Amino acid sequence: MSSQTALKSCACIVALMAVACTRVPELEDQLTPALKRADYPILVPLDSAAPPLPDPEIESTALEQELAARSARLQARAHALASRPN
């Protein structure tokens, strides 16, 4: 790494650190005293918060059957259209 690249990297890091310390009055002024005194929310395990996902094997089998049935219906329709006299 050249010294010029290192200098640019350091300048970017210093600029980002300065921006991170900036006070944003638009956000801080919206906090009411009650909100500032409020407790943190209760954390719950993710396993109990989200419903369990369906078994991928069962889902893929159901999807495969649905697509096969749709394919059969479309082929029958195409055959019926092709055999119709013009």
N, C-alpha and C. Protein backbone atom coordinates (compact mmCIF):
# COMPACT_ATOMS: atom_id res chain seq x y z
N MET A 1 0.86 -1.17 0.00
CA MET A 1 0.00 0.00 0.00
C MET A 1 0.90 1.23 0.00
N SER A 2 0.62 2.16 -0.88
CA SER A 2 1.44 3.35 -0.97
C SER A 2 1.10 4.31 0.17
N SER A 3 1.97 5.25 0.40
CA SER A 3 1.74 6.20 1.48
C SER A 3 0.56 7.11 1.16
N GLN A 4 0.31 7.37 -0.11
CA GLN A 4 -0.82 8.21 -0.50
C GLN A 4 -2.14 7.48 -0.21
N THR A 5 -2.20 6.20 -0.49
CA THR A 5 -3.40 5.42 -0.21
C THR A 5 -3.63 5.33 1.29
N ALA A 6 -2.56 5.13 2.06
CA ALA A 6 -2.68 5.07 3.51
C ALA A 6 -3.17 6.40 4.07
N LEU A 7 -2.68 7.51 3.52
CA LEU A 7 -3.10 8.83 3.97
C LEU A 7 -4.58 9.06 3.67
N LYS A 8 -5.03 8.64 2.48
CA LYS A 8 -6.45 8.78 2.13
C LYS A 8 -7.32 7.92 3.05
N SER A 9 -6.86 6.71 3.37
CA SER A 9 -7.61 5.83 4.26
C SER A 9 -7.73 6.44 5.64
N CYS A 10 -6.64 6.99 6.15
CA CYS A 10 -6.66 7.62 7.47
C CYS A 10 -7.59 8.82 7.48
N ALA A 11 -7.58 9.61 6.41
CA ALA A 11 -8.45 10.78 6.32
C ALA A 11 -9.91 10.35 6.32
N CYS A 12 -10.22 9.29 5.62
CA CYS A 12 -11.60 8.78 5.60
C CYS A 12 -12.03 8.29 6.98
N ILE A 13 -11.15 7.60 7.66
CA ILE A 13 -11.47 7.08 9.00
C ILE A 13 -11.70 8.24 9.96
N VAL A 14 -10.86 9.26 9.92
CA VAL A 14 -11.02 10.42 10.79
C VAL A 14 -12.34 11.13 10.48
N ALA A 15 -12.67 11.27 9.21
CA ALA A 15 -13.92 11.93 8.83
C ALA A 15 -15.12 11.14 9.31
N LEU A 16 -15.09 9.83 9.18
CA LEU A 16 -16.19 8.99 9.65
C LEU A 16 -16.33 9.06 11.17
N MET A 17 -15.22 9.11 11.88
CA MET A 17 -15.28 9.21 13.34
C MET A 17 -15.89 10.55 13.75
N ALA A 18 -15.57 11.62 13.04
CA ALA A 18 -16.13 12.93 13.35
C ALA A 18 -17.62 12.96 13.09
N VAL A 19 -18.06 12.34 12.01
CA VAL A 19 -19.48 12.30 11.68
C VAL A 19 -20.24 11.46 12.71
N ALA A 20 -19.64 10.40 13.19
CA ALA A 20 -20.30 9.52 14.16
C ALA A 20 -20.55 10.24 15.47
N CYS A 21 -19.76 11.23 15.79
CA CYS A 21 -19.92 11.96 17.05
C CYS A 21 -20.86 13.16 16.92
N THR A 22 -21.39 13.39 15.76
CA THR A 22 -22.25 14.54 15.52
C THR A 22 -23.59 14.35 16.20
N ARG A 23 -24.09 15.42 16.83
CA ARG A 23 -25.41 15.41 17.46
C ARG A 23 -26.44 15.71 16.39
N VAL A 24 -27.52 14.95 16.36
CA VAL A 24 -28.58 15.15 15.38
C VAL A 24 -29.81 15.65 16.15
N PRO A 25 -30.01 16.99 16.22
CA PRO A 25 -31.10 17.53 17.03
C PRO A 25 -32.49 17.10 16.56
N GLU A 26 -32.67 16.88 15.25
CA GLU A 26 -33.98 16.47 14.75
C GLU A 26 -34.41 15.14 15.36
N LEU A 27 -33.45 14.26 15.61
CA LEU A 27 -33.78 12.97 16.21
C LEU A 27 -33.87 13.06 17.73
N GLU A 28 -32.94 13.74 18.34
CA GLU A 28 -32.90 13.79 19.79
C GLU A 28 -34.04 14.61 20.37
N ASP A 29 -34.52 15.63 19.64
CA ASP A 29 -35.60 16.47 20.15
C ASP A 29 -36.94 15.74 20.13
N GLN A 30 -37.06 14.65 19.42
CA GLN A 30 -38.30 13.90 19.36
C GLN A 30 -38.47 12.96 20.54
N LEU A 31 -37.43 12.75 21.33
CA LEU A 31 -37.52 11.87 22.49
C LEU A 31 -38.21 12.60 23.64
N THR A 32 -39.36 12.09 24.03
CA THR A 32 -40.08 12.69 25.16
C THR A 32 -39.44 12.21 26.45
N PRO A 33 -39.68 12.93 27.57
CA PRO A 33 -39.12 12.49 28.84
C PRO A 33 -39.58 11.08 29.22
N ALA A 34 -40.84 10.74 28.91
CA ALA A 34 -41.34 9.40 29.23
C ALA A 34 -40.59 8.34 28.42
N LEU A 35 -40.30 8.68 27.18
CA LEU A 35 -39.57 7.74 26.33
C LEU A 35 -38.13 7.58 26.80
N LYS A 36 -37.54 8.64 27.29
CA LYS A 36 -36.18 8.55 27.81
C LYS A 36 -36.11 7.71 29.07
N ARG A 37 -37.19 7.71 29.88
CA ARG A 37 -37.21 6.92 31.12
C ARG A 37 -37.68 5.49 30.90
N ALA A 38 -38.19 5.17 29.73
CA ALA A 38 -38.77 3.85 29.48
C ALA A 38 -37.71 2.75 29.58
N ASP A 39 -38.18 1.58 30.05
CA ASP A 39 -37.29 0.43 30.15
C ASP A 39 -37.04 -0.14 28.75
N TYR A 40 -35.98 -0.89 28.65
CA TYR A 40 -35.71 -1.60 27.41
C TYR A 40 -36.77 -2.67 27.22
N PRO A 41 -37.11 -3.00 25.98
CA PRO A 41 -38.11 -4.05 25.75
C PRO A 41 -37.58 -5.41 26.20
N ILE A 42 -38.49 -6.29 26.53
CA ILE A 42 -38.12 -7.64 26.95
C ILE A 42 -37.67 -8.41 25.71
N LEU A 43 -36.53 -9.04 25.81
CA LEU A 43 -36.00 -9.82 24.70
C LEU A 43 -36.51 -11.26 24.82
N VAL A 44 -36.97 -11.80 23.72
CA VAL A 44 -37.45 -13.18 23.71
C VAL A 44 -36.62 -13.97 22.71
N PRO A 45 -36.48 -15.27 22.95
CA PRO A 45 -35.74 -16.09 21.98
C PRO A 45 -36.44 -16.10 20.64
N LEU A 46 -35.68 -16.13 19.59
CA LEU A 46 -36.22 -16.10 18.25
C LEU A 46 -37.07 -17.34 17.96
N ASP A 47 -36.72 -18.47 18.56
CA ASP A 47 -37.48 -19.70 18.33
C ASP A 47 -38.93 -19.55 18.75
N SER A 48 -39.17 -18.83 19.84
CA SER A 48 -40.55 -18.67 20.30
C SER A 48 -41.23 -17.48 19.64
N ALA A 49 -40.49 -16.58 19.03
CA ALA A 49 -41.07 -15.39 18.41
C ALA A 49 -41.56 -15.65 16.99
N ALA A 50 -40.92 -16.55 16.30
CA ALA A 50 -41.28 -16.82 14.90
C ALA A 50 -41.86 -18.22 14.78
N PRO A 51 -42.85 -18.39 13.92
CA PRO A 51 -43.40 -19.74 13.74
C PRO A 51 -42.39 -20.63 13.03
N PRO A 52 -42.45 -21.93 13.28
CA PRO A 52 -41.48 -22.82 12.62
C PRO A 52 -41.75 -22.89 11.12
N LEU A 53 -40.69 -23.04 10.37
CA LEU A 53 -40.80 -23.14 8.91
C LEU A 53 -41.25 -24.55 8.53
N PRO A 54 -41.99 -24.68 7.43
CA PRO A 54 -42.42 -26.01 6.99
C PRO A 54 -41.23 -26.84 6.52
N ASP A 55 -41.41 -28.14 6.56
CA ASP A 55 -40.35 -29.06 6.14
C ASP A 55 -40.11 -28.89 4.64
N PRO A 56 -38.87 -28.63 4.21
CA PRO A 56 -38.60 -28.42 2.79
C PRO A 56 -38.96 -29.61 1.91
N GLU A 57 -38.80 -30.84 2.41
CA GLU A 57 -39.14 -32.02 1.61
C GLU A 57 -40.63 -32.06 1.31
N ILE A 58 -41.45 -31.79 2.32
CA ILE A 58 -42.90 -31.80 2.14
C ILE A 58 -43.31 -30.68 1.20
N GLU A 59 -42.74 -29.49 1.39
CA GLU A 59 -43.06 -28.35 0.53
C GLU A 59 -42.67 -28.62 -0.92
N SER A 60 -41.49 -29.20 -1.14
CA SER A 60 -41.04 -29.45 -2.51
C SER A 60 -41.89 -30.54 -3.16
N THR A 61 -42.31 -31.54 -2.41
CA THR A 61 -43.17 -32.58 -2.96
C THR A 61 -44.51 -32.00 -3.36
N ALA A 62 -45.09 -31.16 -2.50
CA ALA A 62 -46.37 -30.53 -2.81
C ALA A 62 -46.25 -29.64 -4.04
N LEU A 63 -45.17 -28.88 -4.13
CA LEU A 63 -44.96 -28.00 -5.28
C LEU A 63 -44.78 -28.82 -6.55
N GLU A 64 -44.04 -29.91 -6.47
CA GLU A 64 -43.83 -30.77 -7.63
C GLU A 64 -45.15 -31.35 -8.12
N GLN A 65 -46.00 -31.79 -7.21
CA GLN A 65 -47.30 -32.34 -7.58
C GLN A 65 -48.19 -31.27 -8.22
N GLU A 66 -48.17 -30.07 -7.64
CA GLU A 66 -48.97 -28.97 -8.18
C GLU A 66 -48.51 -28.61 -9.60
N LEU A 67 -47.20 -28.55 -9.81
CA LEU A 67 -46.68 -28.21 -11.14
C LEU A 67 -46.96 -29.32 -12.14
N ALA A 68 -46.90 -30.58 -11.72
CA ALA A 68 -47.20 -31.69 -12.62
C ALA A 68 -48.67 -31.65 -13.05
N ALA A 69 -49.55 -31.36 -12.10
CA ALA A 69 -50.98 -31.27 -12.43
C ALA A 69 -51.24 -30.11 -13.37
N ARG A 70 -50.59 -28.99 -13.13
CA ARG A 70 -50.76 -27.83 -14.01
C ARG A 70 -50.25 -28.14 -15.41
N SER A 71 -49.12 -28.82 -15.48
CA SER A 71 -48.55 -29.19 -16.77
C SER A 71 -49.50 -30.11 -17.53
N ALA A 72 -50.09 -31.07 -16.83
CA ALA A 72 -51.04 -31.99 -17.47
C ALA A 72 -52.26 -31.23 -17.98
N ARG A 73 -52.78 -30.29 -17.20
CA ARG A 73 -53.93 -29.50 -17.65
C ARG A 73 -53.58 -28.67 -18.88
N LEU A 74 -52.41 -28.05 -18.88
CA LEU A 74 -52.00 -27.23 -20.02
C LEU A 74 -51.78 -28.08 -21.27
N GLN A 75 -51.20 -29.27 -21.11
CA GLN A 75 -51.00 -30.15 -22.26
C GLN A 75 -52.34 -30.63 -22.83
N ALA A 76 -53.29 -30.95 -21.95
CA ALA A 76 -54.62 -31.36 -22.41
C ALA A 76 -55.30 -30.22 -23.15
N ARG A 77 -55.15 -29.03 -22.63
CA ARG A 77 -55.75 -27.85 -23.29
C ARG A 77 -55.11 -27.62 -24.66
N ALA A 78 -53.79 -27.73 -24.72
CA ALA A 78 -53.09 -27.54 -25.99
C ALA A 78 -53.51 -28.61 -26.99
N HIS A 79 -53.66 -29.85 -26.53
CA HIS A 79 -54.08 -30.93 -27.41
C HIS A 79 -55.49 -30.69 -27.92
N ALA A 80 -56.37 -30.20 -27.03
CA ALA A 80 -57.75 -29.91 -27.43
C ALA A 80 -57.78 -28.78 -28.46
N LEU A 81 -56.96 -27.77 -28.27
CA LEU A 81 -56.91 -26.65 -29.23
C LEU A 81 -56.32 -27.09 -30.57
N ALA A 82 -55.33 -27.97 -30.52
CA ALA A 82 -54.68 -28.42 -31.74
C ALA A 82 -55.58 -29.35 -32.55
N SER A 83 -56.44 -30.10 -31.89
CA SER A 83 -57.29 -31.05 -32.60
C SER A 83 -58.60 -30.43 -33.07
N ARG A 84 -58.83 -29.19 -32.74
CA ARG A 84 -60.03 -28.51 -33.18
C ARG A 84 -59.93 -28.17 -34.66
N PRO A 85 -61.01 -28.41 -35.44
CA PRO A 85 -60.95 -28.07 -36.87
C PRO A 85 -60.96 -26.55 -37.06
N ASN A 86 -60.23 -26.11 -38.05
CA ASN A 86 -60.17 -24.66 -38.33
C ASN A 86 -61.23 -24.23 -39.28
